[in-house]
Protein backbone atom coordinates (compact mmCIF):
# COMPACT_ATOMS: atom_id res chain seq x y z
CA MET A 1 -18.34 -18.66 -10.30
CA ILE A 2 -15.49 -16.71 -8.72
CA ASN A 3 -13.42 -14.51 -11.02
CA TYR A 4 -9.90 -15.51 -10.03
CA LEU A 5 -7.09 -13.16 -11.01
CA ILE A 6 -3.46 -14.12 -11.58
CA SER A 7 -0.98 -11.31 -11.00
CA PRO A 8 2.63 -12.21 -11.90
CA SER A 9 5.24 -10.40 -9.83
CA LEU A 10 7.69 -8.59 -12.07
CA LEU A 11 10.30 -8.93 -9.33
CA SER A 12 11.02 -12.40 -10.76
CA ALA A 13 11.06 -11.31 -14.41
CA ASP A 14 14.14 -10.70 -16.54
CA PHE A 15 14.81 -7.00 -15.91
CA ALA A 16 17.01 -6.74 -19.00
CA ARG A 17 13.86 -7.16 -21.12
CA LEU A 18 11.11 -6.17 -18.71
CA GLY A 19 8.69 -4.77 -21.30
CA GLU A 20 8.88 -7.95 -23.36
CA GLU A 21 8.42 -10.08 -20.25
CA ALA A 22 5.32 -8.09 -19.28
CA VAL A 23 3.81 -8.50 -22.74
CA ASN A 24 4.58 -12.21 -22.86
CA VAL A 25 3.08 -13.04 -19.46
CA LEU A 26 -0.07 -11.05 -20.20
CA GLU A 27 -0.48 -12.72 -23.59
CA ALA A 28 -0.01 -16.04 -21.77
CA GLY A 29 -3.15 -15.37 -19.73
CA ALA A 30 -2.21 -13.22 -16.73
CA ASP A 31 -4.79 -10.67 -15.63
CA MET A 32 -2.62 -7.93 -14.14
CA LEU A 33 0.97 -7.17 -13.13
CA HIS A 34 2.32 -6.95 -9.59
CA PHE A 35 4.98 -4.26 -9.21
CA ASP A 36 7.13 -4.65 -6.08
CA VAL A 37 8.72 -1.45 -4.82
CA MET A 38 11.34 -1.90 -2.08
CA ASP A 39 13.39 0.90 -0.56
CA ASN A 40 16.20 -0.77 1.46
CA HIS A 41 14.63 0.88 4.51
CA PHE A 42 11.18 -0.52 5.20
CA VAL A 43 12.43 -3.84 3.80
CA PRO A 44 16.03 -5.01 3.26
CA ASN A 45 16.11 -4.81 -0.50
CA LEU A 46 16.09 -2.20 -3.28
CA THR A 47 14.11 -2.67 -6.47
CA ILE A 48 12.34 -0.35 -8.94
CA GLY A 49 10.68 3.05 -8.96
CA PRO A 50 8.01 5.06 -10.80
CA MET A 51 10.13 5.62 -13.90
CA VAL A 52 10.02 1.87 -14.59
CA CYS A 53 6.24 1.83 -14.18
CA SER A 54 5.97 4.77 -16.57
CA ALA A 55 8.28 3.00 -19.03
CA LEU A 56 5.99 -0.04 -19.07
CA ARG A 57 3.01 2.17 -19.91
CA LYS A 58 5.00 3.86 -22.69
CA PHE A 59 6.02 0.41 -23.93
CA GLY A 60 2.33 -0.30 -24.47
CA ILE A 61 1.22 -2.15 -21.33
CA THR A 62 -2.47 -1.40 -20.77
CA ALA A 63 -3.29 -4.13 -18.21
CA PRO A 64 -3.83 -3.18 -14.55
CA ILE A 65 -0.62 -2.62 -12.60
CA ASP A 66 -0.74 -3.22 -8.85
CA VAL A 67 2.05 -1.19 -7.26
CA HIS A 68 3.00 -2.71 -3.90
CA LEU A 69 4.84 -0.05 -1.89
CA MET A 70 7.20 -1.62 0.64
CA THR A 71 8.50 1.83 1.43
CA GLU A 72 8.49 4.34 4.26
CA PRO A 73 7.18 7.03 4.11
CA VAL A 74 4.68 6.34 1.34
CA ASP A 75 2.74 9.51 0.52
CA ARG A 76 5.21 11.10 -1.91
CA LEU A 77 5.51 7.84 -3.85
CA ILE A 78 1.74 7.59 -4.08
CA LYS A 79 1.71 10.73 -6.20
CA ASP A 80 4.68 9.60 -8.29
CA PHE A 81 3.24 6.16 -9.06
CA ALA A 82 -0.22 7.51 -9.77
CA GLU A 83 1.32 9.80 -12.38
CA ALA A 84 3.40 6.88 -13.68
CA GLY A 85 0.30 4.85 -14.51
CA ALA A 86 -0.45 2.66 -11.49
CA THR A 87 -3.93 1.12 -11.30
CA TYR A 88 -3.76 -0.12 -7.71
CA ILE A 89 -1.43 1.30 -5.07
CA THR A 90 -1.02 -0.92 -2.03
CA ILE A 91 0.60 0.31 1.17
CA HIS A 92 1.61 -1.18 4.51
CA PRO A 93 -0.07 0.33 7.60
CA GLU A 94 3.27 0.36 9.43
CA ALA A 95 4.71 2.69 6.77
CA SER A 96 2.14 5.47 7.14
CA GLU A 97 1.60 7.91 10.01
CA HIS A 98 -2.07 8.23 9.00
CA VAL A 99 -3.24 5.15 7.10
CA GLY A 100 -6.68 6.56 6.31
CA LYS A 101 -5.20 9.75 4.87
CA SER A 102 -2.74 7.78 2.74
CA LEU A 103 -5.58 5.66 1.35
CA ASP A 104 -7.60 8.80 0.66
CA LEU A 105 -4.61 10.22 -1.20
CA ILE A 106 -4.44 7.14 -3.42
CA ARG A 107 -8.10 7.61 -4.35
CA GLU A 108 -7.65 11.34 -4.91
CA TYR A 109 -5.18 10.42 -7.64
CA ASN A 110 -7.81 8.14 -9.22
CA CYS A 111 -6.07 4.91 -8.27
CA LYS A 112 -7.54 1.96 -6.40
CA ALA A 113 -6.36 1.62 -2.80
CA GLY A 114 -4.88 -1.49 -1.22
CA LEU A 115 -3.65 -2.40 2.25
CA ALA A 116 -0.90 -4.99 2.73
CA ILE A 117 -0.92 -7.17 5.83
CA ASN A 118 2.36 -8.82 6.86
CA PRO A 119 2.44 -12.22 8.60
CA ASP A 120 2.83 -10.50 11.98
CA THR A 121 0.44 -7.58 11.31
CA PRO A 122 -2.83 -7.90 13.27
CA LEU A 123 -6.07 -7.92 11.33
CA HIS A 124 -7.72 -5.40 13.67
CA LEU A 125 -6.01 -2.68 11.60
CA ILE A 126 -8.33 -3.46 8.66
CA PRO A 127 -11.86 -2.62 9.90
CA PRO A 128 -11.24 1.12 10.57
CA VAL A 129 -10.23 1.65 6.92
CA LEU A 130 -12.19 -1.12 5.20
CA GLY A 131 -14.53 1.36 3.52
CA LYS A 132 -11.55 2.97 1.76
CA LEU A 133 -10.13 -0.27 0.33
CA ASP A 134 -10.34 -1.86 -3.11
CA MET A 135 -7.84 -4.61 -2.28
CA ILE A 136 -6.41 -6.35 0.77
CA LEU A 137 -3.05 -8.00 0.16
CA ILE A 138 -2.21 -10.77 2.61
CA MET A 139 1.52 -11.42 2.74
CA ALA A 140 2.25 -15.13 3.10
CA VAL A 141 5.98 -14.44 3.53
CA LYS A 142 8.00 -11.69 5.15
CA PRO A 143 8.26 -8.88 2.58
CA GLY A 144 11.57 -8.03 0.98
CA PHE A 145 12.62 -11.05 -1.06
CA GLY A 146 11.13 -13.33 -3.70
CA GLY A 147 11.23 -17.11 -3.71
CA GLN A 148 10.23 -17.70 -0.08
CA GLN A 149 8.05 -20.56 1.15
CA PHE A 150 4.36 -20.00 1.85
CA ILE A 151 3.64 -19.63 5.58
CA SER A 152 0.80 -22.09 6.22
CA SER A 153 -0.64 -20.15 9.16
CA THR A 154 -1.58 -17.47 6.62
CA LEU A 155 -4.58 -19.58 5.60
CA ASP A 156 -6.44 -18.69 8.79
CA LYS A 157 -5.67 -15.02 8.19
CA ILE A 158 -7.15 -15.31 4.71
CA ARG A 159 -10.32 -16.89 6.11
CA GLN A 160 -10.76 -14.13 8.66
CA THR A 161 -10.14 -11.44 6.06
CA ARG A 162 -12.69 -13.02 3.71
CA LYS A 163 -15.30 -12.71 6.48
CA LEU A 164 -14.47 -9.01 6.88
CA ILE A 165 -14.84 -8.44 3.14
CA ASP A 166 -18.08 -10.40 2.85
CA PHE A 167 -19.57 -8.38 5.69
CA GLN A 168 -18.71 -5.20 3.79
CA LYS A 169 -20.84 -6.40 0.85
CA ARG A 170 -18.91 -4.63 -1.90
CA GLU A 171 -16.13 -5.63 -4.25
CA ILE A 172 -12.75 -5.78 -2.53
CA LEU A 173 -10.06 -8.04 -3.97
CA LEU A 174 -8.43 -10.46 -1.53
CA SER A 175 -4.92 -10.96 -2.85
CA VAL A 176 -2.23 -13.28 -1.50
CA ASP A 177 1.48 -12.78 -2.13
CA GLY A 178 4.37 -15.07 -1.23
CA GLY A 179 5.13 -18.70 -1.99
CA ILE A 180 2.20 -19.05 -4.42
CA LYS A 181 2.58 -22.17 -6.54
CA GLU A 182 0.42 -24.41 -8.68
CA ASP A 183 0.16 -27.03 -5.91
CA ASN A 184 -1.10 -24.70 -3.13
CA MET A 185 -3.41 -22.37 -5.04
CA ALA A 186 -6.55 -24.49 -4.58
CA GLU A 187 -6.12 -24.52 -0.80
CA ILE A 188 -5.54 -20.77 -0.74
CA ALA A 189 -8.59 -20.18 -2.92
CA LYS A 190 -10.75 -22.32 -0.62
CA ALA A 191 -9.63 -20.11 2.26
CA GLY A 192 -11.12 -17.13 0.42
CA ALA A 193 -8.48 -15.57 -1.83
CA ASP A 194 -9.42 -14.45 -5.33
CA THR A 195 -6.19 -12.81 -6.53
CA PHE A 196 -2.84 -14.59 -6.65
CA VAL A 197 0.58 -12.94 -6.87
CA ALA A 198 3.07 -15.42 -8.28
CA GLY A 199 6.64 -14.56 -9.18
CA SER A 200 9.20 -17.31 -9.51
CA ALA A 201 6.44 -19.93 -9.96
CA ILE A 202 5.67 -18.32 -13.33
CA PHE A 203 8.84 -16.61 -14.50
CA SER A 204 11.05 -19.63 -13.77
CA GLN A 205 9.12 -21.58 -16.41
CA ASP A 206 9.93 -21.70 -20.10
CA ASP A 207 6.24 -21.65 -21.06
CA TYR A 208 4.26 -18.98 -19.18
CA GLY A 209 0.99 -19.99 -20.81
CA LYS A 210 1.35 -23.61 -19.74
CA ILE A 211 1.93 -22.81 -16.05
CA ILE A 212 -0.87 -20.23 -15.98
CA ARG A 213 -3.28 -22.76 -17.50
CA LYS A 214 -2.27 -25.27 -14.83
CA MET A 215 -2.87 -22.65 -12.15
CA ARG A 216 -6.32 -21.87 -13.50
CA ALA A 217 -7.15 -25.59 -13.54
CA GLN A 218 -6.22 -25.80 -9.86
CA LEU A 219 -8.39 -22.77 -9.08
CA LYS A 220 -11.33 -24.31 -10.93
CA ASN A 221 -10.89 -27.51 -8.92
CA SER A 222 -11.04 -25.51 -5.70
CA GLU A 223 -14.72 -24.79 -6.39
CA ASN A 224 -15.64 -28.49 -6.36
């Protein structure tokens, strides 16, 4: 049985009560938190920084936090987020002059390393650094904004990435971010994903537990 992980994106949470939102969604059954960092440079939006990540830890959040850096350059923020309590730090290859060195830096700070692949990023960038990765994040939308529609051609990219991971024969999470909803999760899981970043699909609901249970039911069905 595959251990599917649901990772709500805090980008869609109520920022006025972010700590409470994080607690509520984790108590509702989420496995980890996705923390979107945008710099109004690498992507056309501006969100949150390491002080917010640190504040969540001080608030009492102990669950894994996956920090997704949509920033350029990335190396200085790697240090800052590691010290702020990140569990995973995921970078884009386009944002680093030396991807391998940036991934090594993440691991030097005792965090797990992830690589984010945009819809137009070729997969041949993965194999040279595959041995340094704990997560591959496939973007099913163009990064920078929440609430976009899932790009269906991403499914083939997920299948190809799953083959790369399986050939590696060690645990690497295959996460998908963008347009994740209850009604498309089974198809995405069948393509090979095991980790699902969902923002508005969860935080737009009144009952987080109810929608997460529905999502898990769809993931279970994908194994039939």
